[in-house]
Amino acid sequence: MTCARTGLKLVSSSSVRRLEDEIYALRMKMEQSYVEEETFSSEKVIGLSRLLDTKINEYMRFTNHRGKAQLS
């Protein structure tokens, strides 16, 4: 469902929890890849880092919007 006022997709708390779990799992996977590759500059570590950044940005957009809605 999309919010008519903001045009943002409405996300349930269970969806937020899944996103938090995905962020946690990606972070653990990135850390493990770093240990295996022994460098931050490997393609595997960089790819996971970029995916993690995308998920964190998605989470932040939702939580920032949610906080603003609660102030209204």
N, C-alpha and C. Protein backbone atom coordinates (compact mmCIF):
# COMPACT_ATOMS: atom_id res chain seq x y z
N MET A 1 0.85 -1.18 0.00
CA MET A 1 0.00 0.00 0.00
C MET A 1 0.89 1.24 0.00
N THR A 2 0.43 2.30 -0.65
CA THR A 2 1.19 3.55 -0.75
C THR A 2 0.44 4.67 -0.04
N CYS A 3 1.17 5.50 0.67
CA CYS A 3 0.59 6.64 1.37
C CYS A 3 0.21 7.71 0.33
N ALA A 4 -1.03 8.15 0.37
CA ALA A 4 -1.51 9.15 -0.59
C ALA A 4 -0.80 10.49 -0.39
N ARG A 5 -0.50 10.84 0.85
CA ARG A 5 0.11 12.13 1.15
C ARG A 5 1.58 12.21 0.72
N THR A 6 2.34 11.16 0.98
CA THR A 6 3.78 11.20 0.72
C THR A 6 4.20 10.42 -0.51
N GLY A 7 3.35 9.49 -0.94
CA GLY A 7 3.73 8.64 -2.06
C GLY A 7 4.69 7.52 -1.67
N LEU A 8 5.03 7.42 -0.37
CA LEU A 8 5.94 6.37 0.09
C LEU A 8 5.17 5.09 0.35
N LYS A 9 5.85 4.00 0.11
CA LYS A 9 5.26 2.70 0.37
C LYS A 9 5.16 2.49 1.88
N LEU A 10 4.00 2.09 2.35
CA LEU A 10 3.80 1.82 3.77
C LEU A 10 4.39 0.45 4.10
N VAL A 11 5.12 0.39 5.20
CA VAL A 11 5.80 -0.83 5.57
C VAL A 11 5.34 -1.24 6.96
N SER A 12 5.00 -2.50 7.12
CA SER A 12 4.56 -2.98 8.43
C SER A 12 5.76 -3.20 9.34
N SER A 13 5.50 -3.31 10.63
CA SER A 13 6.59 -3.51 11.58
C SER A 13 7.29 -4.84 11.33
N SER A 14 6.56 -5.85 10.83
CA SER A 14 7.21 -7.12 10.52
C SER A 14 8.17 -6.95 9.34
N SER A 15 7.83 -6.07 8.40
CA SER A 15 8.73 -5.79 7.27
C SER A 15 9.99 -5.09 7.77
N VAL A 16 9.83 -4.19 8.72
CA VAL A 16 10.98 -3.49 9.29
C VAL A 16 11.88 -4.50 10.01
N ARG A 17 11.28 -5.40 10.73
CA ARG A 17 12.06 -6.42 11.45
C ARG A 17 12.84 -7.29 10.46
N ARG A 18 12.21 -7.67 9.36
CA ARG A 18 12.90 -8.46 8.34
C ARG A 18 14.08 -7.67 7.76
N LEU A 19 13.88 -6.37 7.55
CA LEU A 19 14.94 -5.52 7.03
C LEU A 19 16.10 -5.43 8.03
N GLU A 20 15.77 -5.28 9.31
CA GLU A 20 16.81 -5.27 10.35
C GLU A 20 17.58 -6.59 10.36
N ASP A 21 16.86 -7.69 10.23
CA ASP A 21 17.52 -9.00 10.21
C ASP A 21 18.41 -9.15 8.98
N GLU A 22 17.95 -8.64 7.84
CA GLU A 22 18.74 -8.70 6.62
C GLU A 22 20.01 -7.86 6.75
N ILE A 23 19.89 -6.68 7.35
CA ILE A 23 21.05 -5.82 7.58
C ILE A 23 22.06 -6.53 8.48
N TYR A 24 21.58 -7.14 9.54
CA TYR A 24 22.46 -7.86 10.46
C TYR A 24 23.18 -9.00 9.73
N ALA A 25 22.43 -9.79 8.96
CA ALA A 25 23.01 -10.92 8.24
C ALA A 25 24.04 -10.46 7.21
N LEU A 26 23.74 -9.38 6.49
CA LEU A 26 24.69 -8.84 5.52
C LEU A 26 25.97 -8.35 6.19
N ARG A 27 25.82 -7.73 7.34
CA ARG A 27 27.00 -7.25 8.07
C ARG A 27 27.88 -8.42 8.49
N MET A 28 27.25 -9.48 9.01
CA MET A 28 28.01 -10.65 9.43
C MET A 28 28.71 -11.29 8.22
N LYS A 29 28.00 -11.36 7.10
CA LYS A 29 28.57 -11.94 5.88
C LYS A 29 29.74 -11.09 5.37
N MET A 30 29.59 -9.77 5.42
CA MET A 30 30.66 -8.88 4.99
C MET A 30 31.88 -9.04 5.90
N GLU A 31 31.66 -9.10 7.21
CA GLU A 31 32.77 -9.27 8.15
C GLU A 31 33.49 -10.60 7.91
N GLN A 32 32.72 -11.65 7.68
CA GLN A 32 33.31 -12.96 7.41
C GLN A 32 34.12 -12.93 6.10
N SER A 33 33.59 -12.25 5.11
CA SER A 33 34.30 -12.13 3.84
C SER A 33 35.61 -11.39 4.01
N TYR A 34 35.59 -10.36 4.84
CA TYR A 34 36.83 -9.62 5.13
C TYR A 34 37.87 -10.55 5.77
N VAL A 35 37.43 -11.36 6.72
CA VAL A 35 38.35 -12.29 7.39
C VAL A 35 38.94 -13.26 6.36
N GLU A 36 38.09 -13.77 5.47
CA GLU A 36 38.55 -14.72 4.46
C GLU A 36 39.47 -14.07 3.42
N GLU A 37 39.11 -12.88 2.98
CA GLU A 37 39.85 -12.20 1.92
C GLU A 37 41.07 -11.42 2.44
N GLU A 38 41.05 -11.09 3.73
CA GLU A 38 42.12 -10.34 4.39
C GLU A 38 42.35 -8.95 3.78
N THR A 39 41.30 -8.39 3.19
CA THR A 39 41.39 -7.03 2.65
C THR A 39 39.98 -6.47 2.47
N PHE A 40 39.88 -5.16 2.65
CA PHE A 40 38.61 -4.49 2.41
C PHE A 40 38.38 -4.22 0.93
N SER A 41 39.43 -4.33 0.14
CA SER A 41 39.32 -3.94 -1.27
C SER A 41 38.97 -5.09 -2.21
N SER A 42 38.66 -6.27 -1.69
CA SER A 42 38.26 -7.36 -2.58
C SER A 42 36.86 -7.07 -3.15
N GLU A 43 36.61 -7.57 -4.33
CA GLU A 43 35.31 -7.37 -4.98
C GLU A 43 34.16 -7.92 -4.14
N LYS A 44 34.39 -9.05 -3.49
CA LYS A 44 33.36 -9.67 -2.65
C LYS A 44 32.98 -8.77 -1.47
N VAL A 45 33.98 -8.26 -0.77
CA VAL A 45 33.74 -7.38 0.39
C VAL A 45 33.09 -6.08 -0.06
N ILE A 46 33.59 -5.50 -1.14
CA ILE A 46 33.03 -4.24 -1.65
C ILE A 46 31.58 -4.43 -2.08
N GLY A 47 31.29 -5.52 -2.77
CA GLY A 47 29.91 -5.79 -3.20
C GLY A 47 28.96 -5.92 -2.02
N LEU A 48 29.39 -6.65 -0.99
CA LEU A 48 28.56 -6.81 0.20
C LEU A 48 28.39 -5.48 0.92
N SER A 49 29.45 -4.68 0.95
CA SER A 49 29.39 -3.37 1.59
C SER A 49 28.38 -2.46 0.87
N ARG A 50 28.39 -2.49 -0.44
CA ARG A 50 27.44 -1.67 -1.20
C ARG A 50 26.00 -2.12 -0.96
N LEU A 51 25.80 -3.43 -0.94
CA LEU A 51 24.46 -3.95 -0.68
C LEU A 51 24.01 -3.57 0.73
N LEU A 52 24.92 -3.66 1.67
CA LEU A 52 24.61 -3.27 3.05
C LEU A 52 24.26 -1.78 3.12
N ASP A 53 25.01 -0.95 2.43
CA ASP A 53 24.70 0.50 2.38
C ASP A 53 23.30 0.74 1.84
N THR A 54 22.94 0.03 0.79
CA THR A 54 21.60 0.18 0.20
C THR A 54 20.51 -0.17 1.21
N LYS A 55 20.70 -1.27 1.91
CA LYS A 55 19.71 -1.71 2.90
C LYS A 55 19.63 -0.74 4.08
N ILE A 56 20.77 -0.22 4.52
CA ILE A 56 20.78 0.74 5.62
C ILE A 56 20.07 2.03 5.19
N ASN A 57 20.32 2.48 3.97
CA ASN A 57 19.64 3.67 3.46
C ASN A 57 18.13 3.46 3.39
N GLU A 58 17.72 2.29 2.95
CA GLU A 58 16.29 1.96 2.90
C GLU A 58 15.69 2.01 4.31
N TYR A 59 16.39 1.44 5.25
CA TYR A 59 15.93 1.44 6.64
C TYR A 59 15.85 2.86 7.20
N MET A 60 16.86 3.66 6.92
CA MET A 60 16.88 5.04 7.42
C MET A 60 15.76 5.87 6.80
N ARG A 61 15.50 5.70 5.51
CA ARG A 61 14.39 6.43 4.88
C ARG A 61 13.08 6.10 5.57
N PHE A 62 12.87 4.83 5.87
CA PHE A 62 11.63 4.43 6.53
C PHE A 62 11.55 4.99 7.94
N THR A 63 12.63 4.84 8.72
CA THR A 63 12.56 5.28 10.12
C THR A 63 12.49 6.79 10.22
N ASN A 64 13.18 7.53 9.31
CA ASN A 64 13.09 8.99 9.34
C ASN A 64 11.69 9.45 8.98
N HIS A 65 11.10 8.85 7.97
CA HIS A 65 9.75 9.21 7.58
C HIS A 65 8.75 8.87 8.68
N ARG A 66 8.95 7.72 9.28
CA ARG A 66 8.06 7.28 10.36
C ARG A 66 8.12 8.24 11.54
N GLY A 67 9.32 8.71 11.89
CA GLY A 67 9.48 9.66 12.99
C GLY A 67 8.81 10.98 12.70
N LYS A 68 8.92 11.46 11.47
CA LYS A 68 8.28 12.72 11.07
C LYS A 68 6.77 12.58 11.12
N ALA A 69 6.24 11.43 10.73
CA ALA A 69 4.79 11.21 10.74
C ALA A 69 4.26 11.23 12.17
N GLN A 70 5.06 10.72 13.10
CA GLN A 70 4.62 10.71 14.50
C GLN A 70 4.62 12.09 15.10
N LEU A 71 5.45 13.00 14.56
CA LEU A 71 5.46 14.38 15.05
C LEU A 71 4.28 15.18 14.54
N SER A 72 3.69 14.76 13.43
CA SER A 72 2.58 15.51 12.82
C SER A 72 1.32 15.41 13.65
